[in-house]
PDB file of all heavy atoms in Angstrom:
ATOM      1  N   ALA A   1    -111.058 -44.335   3.815  1.00  0.00           N
ATOM      2  CA  ALA A   1    -111.057 -45.682   3.207  1.00  0.00           C
ATOM      3  C   ALA A   1    -110.537 -45.618   1.764  1.00  0.00           C
ATOM      4  O   ALA A   1    -109.727 -46.484   1.368  1.00  0.00           O
ATOM      5  CB  ALA A   1    -112.424 -46.271   3.248  1.00  0.00           C
ATOM      6  N   ALA A   2    -110.979 -44.598   1.008  1.00  0.00           N
ATOM      7  CA  ALA A   2    -110.559 -44.492  -0.391  1.00  0.00           C
ATOM      8  C   ALA A   2    -109.071 -44.139  -0.459  1.00  0.00           C
ATOM      9  O   ALA A   2    -108.337 -44.654  -1.312  1.00  0.00           O
ATOM     10  CB  ALA A   2    -111.380 -43.389  -1.052  1.00  0.00           C
ATOM     11  N   ALA A   3    -108.585 -43.248   0.388  1.00  0.00           N
ATOM     12  CA  ALA A   3    -107.159 -42.889   0.401  1.00  0.00           C
ATOM     13  C   ALA A   3    -106.291 -44.066   0.837  1.00  0.00           C
ATOM     14  O   ALA A   3    -105.243 -44.310   0.277  1.00  0.00           O
ATOM     15  CB  ALA A   3    -106.930 -41.687   1.325  1.00  0.00           C
ATOM     16  N   ALA A   4    -106.781 -44.819   1.791  1.00  0.00           N
ATOM     17  CA  ALA A   4    -106.031 -46.005   2.248  1.00  0.00           C
ATOM     18  C   ALA A   4    -105.950 -47.059   1.091  1.00  0.00           C
ATOM     19  O   ALA A   4    -104.882 -47.637   0.896  1.00  0.00           O
ATOM     20  CB  ALA A   4    -106.699 -46.636   3.493  1.00  0.00           C
ATOM     21  N   GLN A   5    -107.032 -47.217   0.418  1.00  0.00           N
ATOM     22  CA  GLN A   5    -107.061 -48.185  -0.746  1.00  0.00           C
ATOM     23  C   GLN A   5    -106.129 -47.679  -1.842  1.00  0.00           C
ATOM     24  O   GLN A   5    -105.403 -48.513  -2.461  1.00  0.00           O
ATOM     25  CB  GLN A   5    -108.437 -48.324  -1.253  1.00  0.00           C
ATOM     26  CG  GLN A   5    -108.611 -49.331  -2.371  1.00  0.00           C
ATOM     27  CD  GLN A   5    -110.016 -49.489  -2.856  1.00  0.00           C
ATOM     28  OE1 GLN A   5    -110.871 -48.636  -2.662  1.00  0.00           O
ATOM     29  NE2 GLN A   5    -110.323 -50.598  -3.497  1.00  0.00           N
ATOM     30  N   ARG A   6    -106.077 -46.387  -2.066  1.00  0.00           N
ATOM     31  CA  ARG A   6    -105.231 -45.821  -3.093  1.00  0.00           C
ATOM     32  C   ARG A   6    -103.750 -46.087  -2.778  1.00  0.00           C
ATOM     33  O   ARG A   6    -102.918 -46.374  -3.692  1.00  0.00           O
ATOM     34  CB  ARG A   6    -105.461 -44.311  -3.195  1.00  0.00           C
ATOM     35  CG  ARG A   6    -104.559 -43.626  -4.220  1.00  0.00           C
ATOM     36  CD  ARG A   6    -104.950 -44.059  -5.630  1.00  0.00           C
ATOM     37  NE  ARG A   6    -104.173 -43.276  -6.606  1.00  0.00           N
ATOM     38  CZ  ARG A   6    -103.003 -43.682  -7.103  1.00  0.00           C
ATOM     39  NH1 ARG A   6    -102.453 -44.806  -6.680  1.00  0.00           N
ATOM     40  NH2 ARG A   6    -102.368 -42.946  -8.017  1.00  0.00           N
ATOM     41  N   LEU A   7    -103.420 -46.065  -1.475  1.00  0.00           N
ATOM     42  CA  LEU A   7    -102.058 -46.311  -1.054  1.00  0.00           C
ATOM     43  C   LEU A   7    -101.737 -47.777  -0.881  1.00  0.00           C
ATOM     44  O   LEU A   7    -100.547 -48.153  -0.774  1.00  0.00           O
ATOM     45  CB  LEU A   7    -101.787 -45.562   0.261  1.00  0.00           C
ATOM     46  CG  LEU A   7    -101.772 -44.043   0.194  1.00  0.00           C
ATOM     47  CD1 LEU A   7    -101.920 -43.438   1.585  1.00  0.00           C
ATOM     48  CD2 LEU A   7    -100.473 -43.586  -0.458  1.00  0.00           C
ATOM     49  N   GLY A   8    -102.803 -48.613  -0.847  1.00  0.00           N
ATOM     50  CA  GLY A   8    -102.555 -50.031  -0.590  1.00  0.00           C
ATOM     51  C   GLY A   8    -102.309 -50.314   0.864  1.00  0.00           C
ATOM     52  O   GLY A   8    -101.675 -51.345   1.203  1.00  0.00           O
ATOM     53  N   TRP A   9    -102.809 -49.452   1.770  1.00  0.00           N
ATOM     54  CA  TRP A   9    -102.623 -49.628   3.192  1.00  0.00           C
ATOM     55  C   TRP A   9    -103.861 -50.161   3.832  1.00  0.00           C
ATOM     56  O   TRP A   9    -104.958 -49.828   3.390  1.00  0.00           O
ATOM     57  CB  TRP A   9    -102.260 -48.312   3.868  1.00  0.00           C
ATOM     58  CG  TRP A   9    -100.973 -47.673   3.449  1.00  0.00           C
ATOM     59  CD1 TRP A   9    -100.011 -48.180   2.620  1.00  0.00           C
ATOM     60  CD2 TRP A   9    -100.562 -46.328   3.767  1.00  0.00           C
ATOM     61  NE1 TRP A   9     -98.999 -47.268   2.445  1.00  0.00           N
ATOM     62  CE2 TRP A   9     -99.311 -46.141   3.127  1.00  0.00           C
ATOM     63  CE3 TRP A   9    -101.083 -45.310   4.548  1.00  0.00           C
ATOM     64  CZ2 TRP A   9     -98.591 -44.924   3.249  1.00  0.00           C
ATOM     65  CZ3 TRP A   9    -100.411 -44.108   4.653  1.00  0.00           C
ATOM     66  CH2 TRP A   9     -99.178 -43.919   4.025  1.00  0.00           C
ATOM     67  N   PRO A  10    -103.750 -50.865   4.936  1.00  0.00           N
ATOM     68  CA  PRO A  10    -104.949 -51.163   5.743  1.00  0.00           C
ATOM     69  C   PRO A  10    -105.506 -49.881   6.314  1.00  0.00           C
ATOM     70  O   PRO A  10    -104.731 -48.918   6.559  1.00  0.00           O
ATOM     71  CB  PRO A  10    -104.395 -52.074   6.897  1.00  0.00           C
ATOM     72  CG  PRO A  10    -103.134 -52.601   6.348  1.00  0.00           C
ATOM     73  CD  PRO A  10    -102.553 -51.513   5.502  1.00  0.00           C
ATOM     74  N   LEU A  11    -106.818 -49.813   6.533  1.00  0.00           N
ATOM     75  CA  LEU A  11    -107.414 -48.567   6.989  1.00  0.00           C
ATOM     76  C   LEU A  11    -106.852 -48.191   8.380  1.00  0.00           C
ATOM     77  O   LEU A  11    -106.666 -47.006   8.695  1.00  0.00           O
ATOM     78  CB  LEU A  11    -108.911 -48.762   7.103  1.00  0.00           C
ATOM     79  CG  LEU A  11    -109.727 -47.528   7.602  1.00  0.00           C
ATOM     80  CD1 LEU A  11    -109.489 -46.303   6.691  1.00  0.00           C
ATOM     81  CD2 LEU A  11    -111.197 -47.857   7.628  1.00  0.00           C
ATOM     82  N   THR A  12    -106.565 -49.202   9.206  1.00  0.00           N
ATOM     83  CA  THR A  12    -106.023 -48.891  10.544  1.00  0.00           C
ATOM     84  C   THR A  12    -104.649 -48.197  10.441  1.00  0.00           C
ATOM     85  O   THR A  12    -104.362 -47.294  11.190  1.00  0.00           O
ATOM     86  CB  THR A  12    -105.888 -50.186  11.373  1.00  0.00           C
ATOM     87  OG1 THR A  12    -105.141 -51.158  10.594  1.00  0.00           O
ATOM     88  CG2 THR A  12    -107.244 -50.757  11.716  1.00  0.00           C
ATOM     89  N   THR A  13    -103.846 -48.638   9.463  1.00  0.00           N
ATOM     90  CA  THR A  13    -102.567 -47.993   9.253  1.00  0.00           C
ATOM     91  C   THR A  13    -102.723 -46.556   8.790  1.00  0.00           C
ATOM     92  O   THR A  13    -102.052 -45.651   9.278  1.00  0.00           O
ATOM     93  CB  THR A  13    -101.732 -48.796   8.205  1.00  0.00           C
ATOM     94  OG1 THR A  13    -101.532 -50.117   8.690  1.00  0.00           O
ATOM     95  CG2 THR A  13    -100.401 -48.135   7.933  1.00  0.00           C
ATOM     96  N   PHE A  14    -103.641 -46.359   7.863  1.00  0.00           N
ATOM     97  CA  PHE A  14    -103.883 -44.998   7.374  1.00  0.00           C
ATOM     98  C   PHE A  14    -104.329 -44.089   8.518  1.00  0.00           C
ATOM     99  O   PHE A  14    -103.829 -42.980   8.640  1.00  0.00           O
ATOM    100  CB  PHE A  14    -104.942 -45.023   6.274  1.00  0.00           C
ATOM    101  CG  PHE A  14    -105.271 -43.657   5.705  1.00  0.00           C
ATOM    102  CD1 PHE A  14    -104.573 -43.186   4.651  1.00  0.00           C
ATOM    103  CD2 PHE A  14    -106.278 -42.894   6.287  1.00  0.00           C
ATOM    104  CE1 PHE A  14    -104.836 -41.897   4.140  1.00  0.00           C
ATOM    105  CE2 PHE A  14    -106.548 -41.614   5.787  1.00  0.00           C
ATOM    106  CZ  PHE A  14    -105.834 -41.122   4.712  1.00  0.00           C
ATOM    107  N   ASN A  15    -105.268 -44.545   9.291  1.00  0.00           N
ATOM    108  CA  ASN A  15    -105.790 -43.707  10.368  1.00  0.00           C
ATOM    109  C   ASN A  15    -104.713 -43.374  11.396  1.00  0.00           C
ATOM    110  O   ASN A  15    -104.671 -42.254  11.943  1.00  0.00           O
ATOM    111  CB  ASN A  15    -106.976 -44.388  11.054  1.00  0.00           C
ATOM    112  CG  ASN A  15    -108.230 -44.355  10.218  1.00  0.00           C
ATOM    113  OD1 ASN A  15    -108.419 -43.455   9.387  1.00  0.00           O
ATOM    114  ND2 ASN A  15    -109.131 -45.309  10.413  1.00  0.00           N
ATOM    115  N   ARG A  16    -103.827 -44.351  11.697  1.00  0.00           N
ATOM    116  CA  ARG A  16    -102.750 -44.091  12.644  1.00  0.00           C
ATOM    117  C   ARG A  16    -101.800 -43.044  12.116  1.00  0.00           C
ATOM    118  O   ARG A  16    -101.390 -42.102  12.809  1.00  0.00           O
ATOM    119  CB  ARG A  16    -102.016 -45.362  12.954  1.00  0.00           C
ATOM    120  CG  ARG A  16    -100.915 -45.222  13.997  1.00  0.00           C
ATOM    121  CD  ARG A  16    -100.222 -46.507  14.352  1.00  0.00           C
ATOM    122  NE  ARG A  16     -99.382 -46.954  13.206  1.00  0.00           N
ATOM    123  CZ  ARG A  16     -99.658 -47.982  12.410  1.00  0.00           C
ATOM    124  NH1 ARG A  16    -100.764 -48.692  12.614  1.00  0.00           N
ATOM    125  NH2 ARG A  16     -98.849 -48.310  11.430  1.00  0.00           N
ATOM    126  N   LYS A  17    -101.453 -43.183  10.835  1.00  0.00           N
ATOM    127  CA  LYS A  17    -100.557 -42.179  10.230  1.00  0.00           C
ATOM    128  C   LYS A  17    -101.210 -40.834  10.098  1.00  0.00           C
ATOM    129  O   LYS A  17    -100.560 -39.776  10.235  1.00  0.00           O
ATOM    130  CB  LYS A  17    -100.074 -42.698   8.840  1.00  0.00           C
ATOM    131  CG  LYS A  17     -99.131 -43.938   8.943  1.00  0.00           C
ATOM    132  CD  LYS A  17     -98.664 -44.324   7.562  1.00  0.00           C
ATOM    133  CE  LYS A  17     -97.782 -45.572   7.638  1.00  0.00           C
ATOM    134  NZ  LYS A  17     -96.497 -45.214   8.299  1.00  0.00           N
ATOM    135  N   LEU A  18    -102.494 -40.833   9.842  1.00  0.00           N
ATOM    136  CA  LEU A  18    -103.237 -39.566   9.760  1.00  0.00           C
ATOM    137  C   LEU A  18    -103.202 -38.847  11.107  1.00  0.00           C
ATOM    138  O   LEU A  18    -103.001 -37.629  11.199  1.00  0.00           O
ATOM    139  CB  LEU A  18    -104.691 -39.794   9.360  1.00  0.00           C
ATOM    140  CG  LEU A  18    -105.617 -38.579   9.266  1.00  0.00           C
ATOM    141  CD1 LEU A  18    -105.104 -37.570   8.219  1.00  0.00           C
ATOM    142  CD2 LEU A  18    -107.040 -39.029   8.920  1.00  0.00           C
ATOM    143  N   ASP A  19    -103.420 -39.631  12.167  1.00  0.00           N
ATOM    144  CA  ASP A  19    -103.305 -39.035  13.536  1.00  0.00           C
ATOM    145  C   ASP A  19    -101.941 -38.417  13.755  1.00  0.00           C
ATOM    146  O   ASP A  19    -101.826 -37.307  14.318  1.00  0.00           O
ATOM    147  CB  ASP A  19    -103.582 -40.114  14.618  1.00  0.00           C
ATOM    148  CG  ASP A  19    -105.071 -40.529  14.643  1.00  0.00           C
ATOM    149  OD1 ASP A  19    -105.915 -39.768  14.216  1.00  0.00           O
ATOM    150  OD2 ASP A  19    -105.305 -41.652  15.163  1.00  0.00           O
ATOM    151  N   ASN A  20    -100.918 -39.104  13.333  1.00  0.00           N
ATOM    152  CA  ASN A  20     -99.548 -38.657  13.560  1.00  0.00           C
ATOM    153  C   ASN A  20     -99.282 -37.368  12.791  1.00  0.00           C
ATOM    154  O   ASN A  20     -98.671 -36.404  13.309  1.00  0.00           O
ATOM    155  CB  ASN A  20     -98.525 -39.710  13.126  1.00  0.00           C
ATOM    156  CG  ASN A  20     -98.530 -40.913  14.062  1.00  0.00           C
ATOM    157  OD1 ASN A  20     -98.972 -40.816  15.193  1.00  0.00           O
ATOM    158  ND2 ASN A  20     -98.080 -42.077  13.587  1.00  0.00           N
ATOM    159  N   VAL A  21     -99.733 -37.325  11.533  1.00  0.00           N
ATOM    160  CA  VAL A  21     -99.551 -36.101  10.703  1.00  0.00           C
ATOM    161  C   VAL A  21    -100.311 -34.936  11.292  1.00  0.00           C
ATOM    162  O   VAL A  21     -99.791 -33.812  11.449  1.00  0.00           O
ATOM    163  CB  VAL A  21     -99.989 -36.379   9.272  1.00  0.00           C
ATOM    164  CG1 VAL A  21     -99.970 -35.062   8.451  1.00  0.00           C
ATOM    165  CG2 VAL A  21     -99.081 -37.372   8.596  1.00  0.00           C
ATOM    166  N   CYS A  22    -101.569 -35.115  11.707  1.00  0.00           N
ATOM    167  CA  CYS A  22    -102.368 -34.049  12.285  1.00  0.00           C
ATOM    168  C   CYS A  22    -101.750 -33.578  13.574  1.00  0.00           C
ATOM    169  O   CYS A  22    -101.702 -32.365  13.811  1.00  0.00           O
ATOM    170  CB  CYS A  22    -103.799 -34.525  12.518  1.00  0.00           C
ATOM    171  SG  CYS A  22    -104.778 -34.740  11.015  1.00  0.00           S
ATOM    172  N   ASP A  23    -101.249 -34.480  14.438  1.00  0.00           N
ATOM    173  CA  ASP A  23    -100.627 -34.056  15.672  1.00  0.00           C
ATOM    174  C   ASP A  23     -99.366 -33.261  15.370  1.00  0.00           C
ATOM    175  O   ASP A  23     -99.079 -32.254  16.089  1.00  0.00           O
ATOM    176  CB  ASP A  23    -100.262 -35.297  16.523  1.00  0.00           C
ATOM    177  CG  ASP A  23    -101.449 -35.996  17.129  1.00  0.00           C
ATOM    178  OD1 ASP A  23    -102.539 -35.349  17.152  1.00  0.00           O
ATOM    179  OD2 ASP A  23    -101.315 -37.176  17.520  1.00  0.00           O
ATOM    180  N   LYS A  24     -98.634 -33.611  14.397  1.00  0.00           N
ATOM    181  CA  LYS A  24     -97.369 -32.930  14.058  1.00  0.00           C
ATOM    182  C   LYS A  24     -97.676 -31.493  13.644  1.00  0.00           C
ATOM    183  O   LYS A  24     -97.009 -30.542  14.104  1.00  0.00           O
ATOM    184  CB  LYS A  24     -96.626 -33.684  12.952  1.00  0.00           C
ATOM    185  CG  LYS A  24     -95.339 -33.036  12.544  1.00  0.00           C
ATOM    186  CD  LYS A  24     -94.597 -33.905  11.515  1.00  0.00           C
ATOM    187  CE  LYS A  24     -94.008 -35.142  12.186  1.00  0.00           C
ATOM    188  NZ  LYS A  24     -93.112 -35.892  11.278  1.00  0.00           N
ATOM    189  N   PHE A  25     -98.640 -31.294  12.743  1.00  0.00           N
ATOM    190  CA  PHE A  25     -98.973 -29.945  12.316  1.00  0.00           C
ATOM    191  C   PHE A  25     -99.690 -29.157  13.394  1.00  0.00           C
ATOM    192  O   PHE A  25     -99.488 -27.927  13.483  1.00  0.00           O
ATOM    193  CB  PHE A  25     -99.842 -30.005  11.043  1.00  0.00           C
ATOM    194  CG  PHE A  25     -99.071 -30.360   9.794  1.00  0.00           C
ATOM    195  CD1 PHE A  25     -99.387 -31.484   9.095  1.00  0.00           C
ATOM    196  CD2 PHE A  25     -98.050 -29.522   9.326  1.00  0.00           C
ATOM    197  CE1 PHE A  25     -98.669 -31.832   7.932  1.00  0.00           C
ATOM    198  CE2 PHE A  25     -97.350 -29.819   8.181  1.00  0.00           C
ATOM    199  CZ  PHE A  25     -97.640 -30.983   7.504  1.00  0.00           C
ATOM    200  N   ASP A  26    -100.461 -29.824  14.242  1.00  0.00           N
ATOM    201  CA  ASP A  26    -101.133 -29.123  15.311  1.00  0.00           C
ATOM    202  C   ASP A  26    -100.067 -28.538  16.259  1.00  0.00           C
ATOM    203  O   ASP A  26    -100.239 -27.380  16.765  1.00  0.00           O
ATOM    204  CB  ASP A  26    -102.022 -30.081  16.106  1.00  0.00           C
ATOM    205  CG  ASP A  26    -102.705 -29.436  17.291  1.00  0.00           C
ATOM    206  OD1 ASP A  26    -103.600 -28.605  17.065  1.00  0.00           O
ATOM    207  OD2 ASP A  26    -102.272 -29.735  18.438  1.00  0.00           O
ATOM    208  N   ARG A  27     -99.018 -29.263  16.547  1.00  0.00           N
ATOM    209  CA  ARG A  27     -97.947 -28.754  17.408  1.00  0.00           C
ATOM    210  C   ARG A  27     -97.229 -27.549  16.793  1.00  0.00           C
ATOM    211  O   ARG A  27     -96.672 -26.718  17.502  1.00  0.00           O
ATOM    212  CB  ARG A  27     -96.925 -29.851  17.693  1.00  0.00           C
ATOM    213  CG  ARG A  27     -97.444 -30.944  18.615  1.00  0.00           C
ATOM    214  CD  ARG A  27     -96.310 -31.826  19.144  1.00  0.00           C
ATOM    215  NE  ARG A  27     -95.639 -32.509  18.068  1.00  0.00           N
ATOM    216  CZ  ARG A  27     -95.979 -33.752  17.635  1.00  0.00           C
ATOM    217  NH1 ARG A  27     -97.004 -34.367  18.234  1.00  0.00           N
ATOM    218  NH2 ARG A  27     -95.332 -34.333  16.653  1.00  0.00           N
ATOM    219  N   GLU A  28     -97.289 -27.455  15.451  1.00  0.00           N
ATOM    220  CA  GLU A  28     -96.630 -26.331  14.766  1.00  0.00           C
ATOM    221  C   GLU A  28     -97.602 -25.121  14.595  1.00  0.00           C
ATOM    222  O   GLU A  28     -97.248 -24.138  14.027  1.00  0.00           O
ATOM    223  CB  GLU A  28     -96.180 -26.787  13.405  1.00  0.00           C
ATOM    224  CG  GLU A  28     -95.047 -27.768  13.418  1.00  0.00           C
ATOM    225  CD  GLU A  28     -93.763 -27.154  13.999  1.00  0.00           C
ATOM    226  OE1 GLU A  28     -93.520 -25.967  13.772  1.00  0.00           O
ATOM    227  OE2 GLU A  28     -93.033 -27.893  14.705  1.00  0.00           O
ATOM    228  N   GLY A  29     -98.819 -25.275  15.132  1.00  0.00           N
ATOM    229  CA  GLY A  29     -99.777 -24.160  15.136  1.00  0.00           C
ATOM    230  C   GLY A  29    -100.793 -24.153  14.064  1.00  0.00           C
ATOM    231  O   GLY A  29    -101.523 -23.187  13.892  1.00  0.00           O
ATOM    232  N   VAL A  30    -100.900 -25.223  13.258  1.00  0.00           N
ATOM    233  CA  VAL A  30    -101.924 -25.318  12.215  1.00  0.00           C
ATOM    234  C   VAL A  30    -103.242 -25.573  12.886  1.00  0.00           C
ATOM    235  O   VAL A  30    -103.413 -26.531  13.617  1.00  0.00           O
ATOM    236  CB  VAL A  30    -101.570 -26.418  11.185  1.00  0.00           C
ATOM    237  CG1 VAL A  30    -102.699 -26.430  10.109  1.00  0.00           C
ATOM    238  CG2 VAL A  30    -100.241 -26.148  10.562  1.00  0.00           C
ATOM    239  N   GLN A  31    -104.233 -24.704  12.614  1.00  0.00           N
ATOM    240  CA  GLN A  31    -105.538 -24.827  13.266  1.00  0.00           C
ATOM    241  C   GLN A  31    -106.434 -25.839  12.606  1.00  0.00           C
ATOM    242  O   GLN A  31    -106.333 -26.113  11.397  1.00  0.00           O
ATOM    243  CB  GLN A  31    -106.224 -23.433  13.265  1.00  0.00           C
ATOM    244  CG  GLN A  31    -105.402 -22.350  13.922  1.00  0.00           C
ATOM    245  CD  GLN A  31    -106.109 -21.010  13.793  1.00  0.00           C
ATOM    246  OE1 GLN A  31    -107.349 -20.894  13.896  1.00  0.00           O
ATOM    247  NE2 GLN A  31    -105.347 -19.960  13.573  1.00  0.00           N
ATOM    248  N   GLY A  32    -107.365 -26.361  13.419  1.00  0.00           N
ATOM    249  CA  GLY A  32    -108.429 -27.222  12.806  1.00  0.00           C
ATOM    250  C   GLY A  32    -108.095 -28.724  12.714  1.00  0.00           C
ATOM    251  O   GLY A  32    -108.822 -29.469  12.108  1.00  0.00           O
ATOM    252  N   LEU A  33    -106.929 -29.143  13.281  1.00  0.00           N
ATOM    253  CA  LEU A  33    -106.525 -30.570  13.114  1.00  0.00           C
ATOM    254  C   LEU A  33    -106.662 -31.331  14.424  1.00  0.00           C
ATOM    255  O   LEU A  33    -106.478 -32.535  14.408  1.00  0.00           O
ATOM    256  CB  LEU A  33    -105.058 -30.617  12.669  1.00  0.00           C
ATOM    257  CG  LEU A  33    -104.773 -30.006  11.298  1.00  0.00           C
ATOM    258  CD1 LEU A  33    -103.294 -30.102  11.026  1.00  0.00           C
ATOM    259  CD2 LEU A  33    -105.612 -30.668  10.213  1.00  0.00           C
ATOM    260  N   ARG A  34    -106.997 -30.681  15.504  1.00  0.00           N
ATOM    261  CA  ARG A  34    -107.140 -31.368  16.773  1.00  0.00           C
ATOM    262  C   ARG A  34    -108.500 -32.040  16.858  1.00  0.00           C
ATOM    263  O   ARG A  34    -109.524 -31.428  16.529  1.00  0.00           O
ATOM    264  CB  ARG A  34    -106.945 -30.412  17.920  1.00  0.00           C
ATOM    265  CG  ARG A  34    -106.999 -31.067  19.307  1.00  0.00           C
ATOM    266  CD  ARG A  34    -106.814 -30.048  20.425  1.00  0.00           C
ATOM    267  NE  ARG A  34    -105.496 -29.431  20.376  1.00  0.00           N
ATOM    268  CZ  ARG A  34    -104.380 -30.027  20.920  1.00  0.00           C
ATOM    269  NH1 ARG A  34    -104.484 -31.172  21.497  1.00  0.00           N
ATOM    270  NH2 ARG A  34    -103.208 -29.405  20.821  1.00  0.00           N
TER     271      ARG A  34
END
């Protein structure tokens, strides 16, 4: 919520983008994001 507010994004937008970023790094082998 704090990060979304800092960016001026709705929380739903932030969470969706967070999911996308975590999925991207998870596919590259970064552990702990799934």
